[in-house]
Amino acid sequence: MAVKPPHTTMFGVSAVNAIEGLLSPGESRPDDAALIASVKRGEPGSREALYHRYKRRVYGLALRIVGAGDAEEVAQEAFIRIFRGLPKFRGDAALSTWIYRLAVNAALSHRSRRSGARLPLEENPGEPAVEAQVVTEPSRGDAVLRARLERALAELPAGYRTVVVLHDVEGLEHEEIASILNCHVGTSKSQLHKARARLRAILAADGITASSLDDT
């Protein structure tokens, strides 16, 4: 089953803390349990229903961790892992958190094969930037800033980029991120702080400052 990219980017820029906004909470839907039970029973259409429920989130994670060129491949690998693992899923974590974990692991494994990265949160300043999905809207106002934010995010090392995507784009709490990345909560917080500082420096080098974002 092919994973199609979302039609718009997930960043919205309107204030100085735009990149820090929580745009979509990482919570399971109330009927996730029933859907999981249906998949485990092998009911017709249940696997497709779960796929369509989470495909945009999984693709979005893959897109921002590995870039547009490899996002679909990674998303498909993530769903292979998801469906293989569902029979053993016990519900100890929210379904969305579990799916994020598998999607992030698939993305980081892919980058590890490509770049030799060894740890999910390892900073690798020499890592080449991945291709970002740039907003294809008229070059004005928020569209320009969104495009620049996307490019800046793509310049971050994979570990930093992953934490920013999980926290600032997907809206996950540090406890969830720590579970997904198999690290301490303090490590997640520290990496996010460093990642934001690096992101601000990249944006500043591109002429985007706090005051320019405030004027949007």
C-alpha atoms as a PDB file:
ATOM      1  CA  MET A   1       0.000   0.000   0.000  1.00  0.00           C
ATOM      2  CA  ALA A   2       1.506   3.310  -1.041  1.00  0.00           C
ATOM      3  CA  VAL A   3       1.830   6.216   1.363  1.00  0.00           C
ATOM      4  CA  LYS A   4       0.975   9.545  -0.174  1.00  0.00           C
ATOM      5  CA  PRO A   5       2.388  12.808   1.219  1.00  0.00           C
ATOM      6  CA  PRO A   6       0.085  15.300   2.884  1.00  0.00           C
ATOM      7  CA  HIS A   7      -0.885  18.248   0.706  1.00  0.00           C
ATOM      8  CA  THR A   8       0.350  20.905   3.114  1.00  0.00           C
ATOM      9  CA  THR A   9       3.199  21.255   5.567  1.00  0.00           C
ATOM     10  CA  MET A  10       2.593  20.992   9.294  1.00  0.00           C
ATOM     11  CA  PHE A  11       4.360  24.184  10.293  1.00  0.00           C
ATOM     12  CA  GLY A  12       2.318  27.291  10.907  1.00  0.00           C
ATOM     13  CA  VAL A  13       4.162  30.539  11.606  1.00  0.00           C
ATOM     14  CA  SER A  14       2.542  33.529  13.250  1.00  0.00           C
ATOM     15  CA  ALA A  15       4.666  34.448  16.292  1.00  0.00           C
ATOM     16  CA  VAL A  16       8.175  34.284  17.761  1.00  0.00           C
ATOM     17  CA  ASN A  17       7.521  30.858  19.282  1.00  0.00           C
ATOM     18  CA  ALA A  18       6.028  29.384  16.122  1.00  0.00           C
ATOM     19  CA  ILE A  19       8.446  26.473  16.009  1.00  0.00           C
ATOM     20  CA  GLU A  20       7.670  25.695  19.652  1.00  0.00           C
ATOM     21  CA  GLY A  21       3.909  25.430  19.154  1.00  0.00           C
ATOM     22  CA  LEU A  22       2.113  22.159  19.767  1.00  0.00           C
ATOM     23  CA  LEU A  23       0.228  21.540  16.555  1.00  0.00           C
ATOM     24  CA  SER A  24      -1.274  18.078  17.041  1.00  0.00           C
ATOM     25  CA  PRO A  25      -1.372  16.206  20.370  1.00  0.00           C
ATOM     26  CA  GLY A  26       0.025  12.694  20.330  1.00  0.00           C
ATOM     27  CA  GLU A  27      -2.954  10.937  21.833  1.00  0.00           C
ATOM     28  CA  SER A  28      -4.804   7.797  20.849  1.00  0.00           C
ATOM     29  CA  ARG A  29      -8.367   8.126  19.624  1.00  0.00           C
ATOM     30  CA  PRO A  30     -11.041   6.679  21.928  1.00  0.00           C
ATOM     31  CA  ASP A  31     -11.836   3.835  19.536  1.00  0.00           C
ATOM     32  CA  ASP A  32      -8.229   2.736  18.971  1.00  0.00           C
ATOM     33  CA  ALA A  33      -8.713  -0.217  21.312  1.00  0.00           C
ATOM     34  CA  ALA A  34     -11.674  -1.466  19.302  1.00  0.00           C
ATOM     35  CA  LEU A  35      -9.729  -1.060  16.063  1.00  0.00           C
ATOM     36  CA  ILE A  36      -6.760  -2.981  17.451  1.00  0.00           C
ATOM     37  CA  ALA A  37      -9.076  -5.775  18.542  1.00  0.00           C
ATOM     38  CA  SER A  38     -10.563  -5.894  15.054  1.00  0.00           C
ATOM     39  CA  VAL A  39      -7.112  -6.147  13.479  1.00  0.00           C
ATOM     40  CA  LYS A  40      -6.124  -8.937  15.857  1.00  0.00           C
ATOM     41  CA  ARG A  41      -9.313 -10.812  14.960  1.00  0.00           C
ATOM     42  CA  GLY A  42      -8.522 -10.408  11.291  1.00  0.00           C
ATOM     43  CA  GLU A  43     -11.752  -8.585  10.469  1.00  0.00           C
ATOM     44  CA  PRO A  44     -11.973  -7.395   6.841  1.00  0.00           C
ATOM     45  CA  GLY A  45     -10.983  -3.763   6.381  1.00  0.00           C
ATOM     46  CA  SER A  46      -9.532  -3.340   9.872  1.00  0.00           C
ATOM     47  CA  ARG A  47      -5.896  -3.154   8.764  1.00  0.00           C
ATOM     48  CA  GLU A  48      -6.796  -0.634   6.071  1.00  0.00           C
ATOM     49  CA  ALA A  49      -8.705   1.451   8.630  1.00  0.00           C
ATOM     50  CA  LEU A  50      -5.702   1.594  10.958  1.00  0.00           C
ATOM     51  CA  TYR A  51      -3.410   2.419   8.050  1.00  0.00           C
ATOM     52  CA  HIS A  52      -5.566   5.320   6.873  1.00  0.00           C
ATOM     53  CA  ARG A  53      -5.929   6.616  10.427  1.00  0.00           C
ATOM     54  CA  TYR A  54      -2.179   6.953  10.967  1.00  0.00           C
ATOM     55  CA  LYS A  55      -0.631   7.192   7.500  1.00  0.00           C
ATOM     56  CA  ARG A  56      -0.343  10.993   7.505  1.00  0.00           C
ATOM     57  CA  ARG A  57       1.363  11.045  10.897  1.00  0.00           C
ATOM     58  CA  VAL A  58       3.764   8.264   9.973  1.00  0.00           C
ATOM     59  CA  TYR A  59       4.575   9.855   6.628  1.00  0.00           C
ATOM     60  CA  GLY A  60       5.059  13.261   8.292  1.00  0.00           C
ATOM     61  CA  LEU A  61       7.556  11.819  10.765  1.00  0.00           C
ATOM     62  CA  ALA A  62       9.436  10.021   8.017  1.00  0.00           C
ATOM     63  CA  LEU A  63       9.469  13.114   5.824  1.00  0.00           C
ATOM     64  CA  ARG A  64      11.140  15.292   8.409  1.00  0.00           C
ATOM     65  CA  ILE A  65      13.631  12.710   9.606  1.00  0.00           C
ATOM     66  CA  VAL A  66      14.843  11.235   6.310  1.00  0.00           C
ATOM     67  CA  GLY A  67      13.655  13.769   3.716  1.00  0.00           C
ATOM     68  CA  ALA A  68      11.223  13.639   0.823  1.00  0.00           C
ATOM     69  CA  GLY A  69      13.293  11.246  -1.273  1.00  0.00           C
ATOM     70  CA  ASP A  70      13.092   8.386   1.228  1.00  0.00           C
ATOM     71  CA  ALA A  71       9.961   9.236   3.230  1.00  0.00           C
ATOM     72  CA  GLU A  72       7.595   6.897   1.405  1.00  0.00           C
ATOM     73  CA  GLU A  73       9.984   3.960   1.671  1.00  0.00           C
ATOM     74  CA  VAL A  74      10.433   4.566   5.400  1.00  0.00           C
ATOM     75  CA  ALA A  75       6.704   4.990   5.975  1.00  0.00           C
ATOM     76  CA  GLN A  76       6.020   1.671   4.268  1.00  0.00           C
ATOM     77  CA  GLU A  77       8.711  -0.014   6.354  1.00  0.00           C
ATOM     78  CA  ALA A  78       7.128   1.492   9.482  1.00  0.00           C
ATOM     79  CA  PHE A  79       3.731   0.013   8.617  1.00  0.00           C
ATOM     80  CA  ILE A  80       5.306  -3.376   7.989  1.00  0.00           C
ATOM     81  CA  ARG A  81       6.701  -3.181  11.518  1.00  0.00           C
ATOM     82  CA  ILE A  82       3.373  -1.960  12.881  1.00  0.00           C
ATOM     83  CA  PHE A  83       1.333  -4.811  11.432  1.00  0.00           C
ATOM     84  CA  ARG A  84       3.925  -7.382  12.397  1.00  0.00           C
ATOM     85  CA  GLY A  85       3.961  -6.086  15.964  1.00  0.00           C
ATOM     86  CA  LEU A  86       0.230  -5.578  16.513  1.00  0.00           C
ATOM     87  CA  PRO A  87      -0.481  -9.179  17.621  1.00  0.00           C
ATOM     88  CA  LYS A  88       1.877  -8.584  20.578  1.00  0.00           C
ATOM     89  CA  PHE A  89       0.668  -5.052  21.362  1.00  0.00           C
ATOM     90  CA  ARG A  90      -0.661  -5.091  24.937  1.00  0.00           C
ATOM     91  CA  GLY A  91      -1.710  -1.475  25.290  1.00  0.00           C
ATOM     92  CA  ASP A  92       0.956  -0.560  27.859  1.00  0.00           C
ATOM     93  CA  ALA A  93       1.362   2.713  25.950  1.00  0.00           C
ATOM     94  CA  ALA A  94      -1.050   4.701  23.804  1.00  0.00           C
ATOM     95  CA  LEU A  95      -1.344   3.277  20.307  1.00  0.00           C
ATOM     96  CA  SER A  96      -0.092   6.540  18.807  1.00  0.00           C
ATOM     97  CA  THR A  97       3.018   6.476  21.026  1.00  0.00           C
ATOM     98  CA  TRP A  98       3.735   2.885  20.022  1.00  0.00           C
ATOM     99  CA  ILE A  99       3.263   3.718  16.337  1.00  0.00           C
ATOM    100  CA  TYR A 100       5.529   6.769  16.651  1.00  0.00           C
ATOM    101  CA  ARG A 101       8.190   4.561  18.253  1.00  0.00           C
ATOM    102  CA  LEU A 102       8.140   2.114  15.348  1.00  0.00           C
ATOM    103  CA  ALA A 103       8.050   4.919  12.768  1.00  0.00           C
ATOM    104  CA  VAL A 104      10.967   6.759  14.369  1.00  0.00           C
ATOM    105  CA  ASN A 105      12.952   3.533  14.688  1.00  0.00           C
ATOM    106  CA  ALA A 106      12.337   2.784  11.008  1.00  0.00           C
ATOM    107  CA  ALA A 107      13.454   6.286  10.043  1.00  0.00           C
ATOM    108  CA  LEU A 108      16.557   6.270  12.235  1.00  0.00           C
ATOM    109  CA  SER A 109      17.494   2.772  11.064  1.00  0.00           C
ATOM    110  CA  HIS A 110      17.225   4.015   7.496  1.00  0.00           C
ATOM    111  CA  ARG A 111      19.468   7.008   8.237  1.00  0.00           C
ATOM    112  CA  SER A 112      21.900   4.771  10.093  1.00  0.00           C
ATOM    113  CA  ARG A 113      22.276   2.605   7.003  1.00  0.00           C
ATOM    114  CA  ARG A 114      22.784   5.688   4.860  1.00  0.00           C
ATOM    115  CA  SER A 115      25.051   7.799   7.090  1.00  0.00           C
ATOM    116  CA  GLY A 116      26.544   5.503   9.708  1.00  0.00           C
ATOM    117  CA  ALA A 117      24.833   7.321  12.606  1.00  0.00           C
ATOM    118  CA  ARG A 118      24.950   5.184  15.752  1.00  0.00           C
ATOM    119  CA  LEU A 119      22.653   6.731  18.333  1.00  0.00           C
ATOM    120  CA  PRO A 120      19.183   8.280  17.928  1.00  0.00           C
ATOM    121  CA  LEU A 121      20.157  11.439  19.835  1.00  0.00           C
ATOM    122  CA  GLU A 122      23.758  11.596  18.739  1.00  0.00           C
ATOM    123  CA  GLU A 123      24.753  14.970  17.359  1.00  0.00           C
ATOM    124  CA  ASN A 124      26.678  14.672  14.129  1.00  0.00           C
ATOM    125  CA  PRO A 125      27.619  18.156  12.869  1.00  0.00           C
ATOM    126  CA  GLY A 126      29.100  16.729   9.694  1.00  0.00           C
ATOM    127  CA  GLU A 127      25.913  14.954   8.680  1.00  0.00           C
ATOM    128  CA  PRO A 128      24.630  16.163   5.309  1.00  0.00           C
ATOM    129  CA  ALA A 129      21.269  17.866   5.297  1.00  0.00           C
ATOM    130  CA  VAL A 130      18.374  15.905   3.868  1.00  0.00           C
ATOM    131  CA  GLU A 131      16.029  17.231   1.255  1.00  0.00           C
ATOM    132  CA  ALA A 132      13.187  19.170   2.864  1.00  0.00           C
ATOM    133  CA  GLN A 133       9.670  19.443   1.563  1.00  0.00           C
ATOM    134  CA  VAL A 134       9.419  23.129   0.752  1.00  0.00           C
ATOM    135  CA  VAL A 135       6.127  24.950   0.738  1.00  0.00           C
ATOM    136  CA  THR A 136       4.964  25.587  -2.819  1.00  0.00           C
ATOM    137  CA  GLU A 137       2.844  28.630  -2.062  1.00  0.00           C
ATOM    138  CA  PRO A 138       3.278  32.243  -3.198  1.00  0.00           C
ATOM    139  CA  SER A 139       6.443  33.716  -1.676  1.00  0.00           C
ATOM    140  CA  ARG A 140       4.904  36.033   0.855  1.00  0.00           C
ATOM    141  CA  GLY A 141       4.208  36.287   4.576  1.00  0.00           C
ATOM    142  CA  ASP A 142       3.724  33.047   6.435  1.00  0.00           C
ATOM    143  CA  ALA A 143       4.440  30.878   3.388  1.00  0.00           C
ATOM    144  CA  VAL A 144       8.008  32.200   3.168  1.00  0.00           C
ATOM    145  CA  LEU A 145       8.642  31.650   6.861  1.00  0.00           C
ATOM    146  CA  ARG A 146       7.192  28.144   6.739  1.00  0.00           C
ATOM    147  CA  ALA A 147       9.479  27.282   3.847  1.00  0.00           C
ATOM    148  CA  ARG A 148      12.510  28.652   5.680  1.00  0.00           C
ATOM    149  CA  LEU A 149      11.571  26.766   8.843  1.00  0.00           C
ATOM    150  CA  GLU A 150      11.331  23.562   6.815  1.00  0.00           C
ATOM    151  CA  ARG A 151      14.776  24.167   5.326  1.00  0.00           C
ATOM    152  CA  ALA A 152      16.255  25.014   8.727  1.00  0.00           C
ATOM    153  CA  LEU A 153      14.791  21.869  10.242  1.00  0.00           C
ATOM    154  CA  ALA A 154      16.348  19.792   7.459  1.00  0.00           C
ATOM    155  CA  GLU A 155      19.780  21.199   8.368  1.00  0.00           C
ATOM    156  CA  LEU A 156      19.633  19.849  11.922  1.00  0.00           C
ATOM    157  CA  PRO A 157      21.419  16.584  12.782  1.00  0.00           C
ATOM    158  CA  ALA A 158      19.007  13.652  12.709  1.00  0.00           C
ATOM    159  CA  GLY A 159      18.842  13.311  16.499  1.00  0.00           C
ATOM    160  CA  TYR A 160      18.010  16.971  17.042  1.00  0.00           C
ATOM    161  CA  ARG A 161      15.556  16.934  14.160  1.00  0.00           C
ATOM    162  CA  THR A 162      13.759  13.914  15.606  1.00  0.00           C
ATOM    163  CA  VAL A 163      13.244  15.506  19.017  1.00  0.00           C
ATOM    164  CA  VAL A 164      11.993  18.768  17.493  1.00  0.00           C
ATOM    165  CA  VAL A 165       9.541  16.922  15.247  1.00  0.00           C
ATOM    166  CA  LEU A 166       8.199  14.770  18.077  1.00  0.00           C
ATOM    167  CA  HIS A 167       7.835  17.626  20.569  1.00  0.00           C
ATOM    168  CA  ASP A 168       7.198  20.786  18.570  1.00  0.00           C
ATOM    169  CA  VAL A 169       5.393  19.374  15.542  1.00  0.00           C
ATOM    170  CA  GLU A 170       3.633  16.290  16.889  1.00  0.00           C
ATOM    171  CA  GLY A 171       3.057  17.743  20.356  1.00  0.00           C
ATOM    172  CA  LEU A 172       4.374  14.798  22.368  1.00  0.00           C
ATOM    173  CA  GLU A 173       5.412  15.194  25.999  1.00  0.00           C
ATOM    174  CA  HIS A 174       8.984  14.469  27.028  1.00  0.00           C
ATOM    175  CA  GLU A 175       7.879  11.303  28.813  1.00  0.00           C
ATOM    176  CA  GLU A 176       6.479   9.970  25.531  1.00  0.00           C
ATOM    177  CA  ILE A 177       9.578  11.028  23.600  1.00  0.00           C
ATOM    178  CA  ALA A 178      11.832   9.331  26.142  1.00  0.00           C
ATOM    179  CA  SER A 179       9.806   6.146  25.713  1.00  0.00           C
ATOM    180  CA  ILE A 180       9.977   6.349  21.922  1.00  0.00           C
ATOM    181  CA  LEU A 181      13.721   7.076  21.803  1.00  0.00           C
ATOM    182  CA  ASN A 182      14.609   4.840  24.766  1.00  0.00           C
ATOM    183  CA  CYS A 183      16.315   7.634  26.659  1.00  0.00           C
ATOM    184  CA  HIS A 184      15.878   9.555  29.911  1.00  0.00           C
ATOM    185  CA  VAL A 185      13.361  12.394  30.131  1.00  0.00           C
ATOM    186  CA  GLY A 186      16.220  14.739  31.018  1.00  0.00           C
ATOM    187  CA  THR A 187      18.035  13.740  27.854  1.00  0.00           C
ATOM    188  CA  SER A 188      14.971  14.545  25.753  1.00  0.00           C
ATOM    189  CA  LYS A 189      14.665  17.975  27.380  1.00  0.00           C
ATOM    190  CA  SER A 190      18.361  18.699  26.959  1.00  0.00           C
ATOM    191  CA  GLN A 191      18.384  17.665  23.306  1.00  0.00           C
ATOM    192  CA  LEU A 192      15.307  19.774  22.577  1.00  0.00           C
ATOM    193  CA  HIS A 193      16.945  22.809  24.173  1.00  0.00           C
ATOM    194  CA  LYS A 194      20.101  22.307  22.099  1.00  0.00           C
ATOM    195  CA  ALA A 195      18.101  21.618  18.948  1.00  0.00           C
ATOM    196  CA  ARG A 196      16.063  24.805  19.333  1.00  0.00           C
ATOM    197  CA  ALA A 197      19.223  26.828  19.890  1.00  0.00           C
ATOM    198  CA  ARG A 198      20.729  25.364  16.724  1.00  0.00           C
ATOM    199  CA  LEU A 199      17.514  25.993  14.833  1.00  0.00           C
ATOM    200  CA  ARG A 200      17.416  29.634  15.934  1.00  0.00           C
ATOM    201  CA  ALA A 201      21.046  30.054  14.857  1.00  0.00           C
ATOM    202  CA  ILE A 202      20.258  28.619  11.413  1.00  0.00           C
ATOM    203  CA  LEU A 203      17.247  30.912  11.074  1.00  0.00           C
ATOM    204  CA  ALA A 204      19.265  33.928  12.234  1.00  0.00           C
ATOM    205  CA  ALA A 205      21.890  33.176   9.580  1.00  0.00           C
ATOM    206  CA  ASP A 206      19.031  33.262   7.076  1.00  0.00           C
ATOM    207  CA  GLY A 207      18.001  36.676   8.359  1.00  0.00           C
ATOM    208  CA  ILE A 208      15.033  35.464  10.420  1.00  0.00           C
ATOM    209  CA  THR A 209      15.030  36.879  13.950  1.00  0.00           C
ATOM    210  CA  ALA A 210      12.573  36.958  16.812  1.00  0.00           C
ATOM    211  CA  SER A 211      11.484  40.460  15.816  1.00  0.00           C
ATOM    212  CA  SER A 212      10.834  39.433  12.207  1.00  0.00           C
ATOM    213  CA  LEU A 213       8.627  36.583  13.380  1.00  0.00           C
ATOM    214  CA  ASP A 214       6.785  38.937  15.741  1.00  0.00           C
ATOM    215  CA  ASP A 215       5.973  41.186  12.796  1.00  0.00           C
ATOM    216  CA  THR A 216       4.263  38.379  10.903  1.00  0.00           C
END
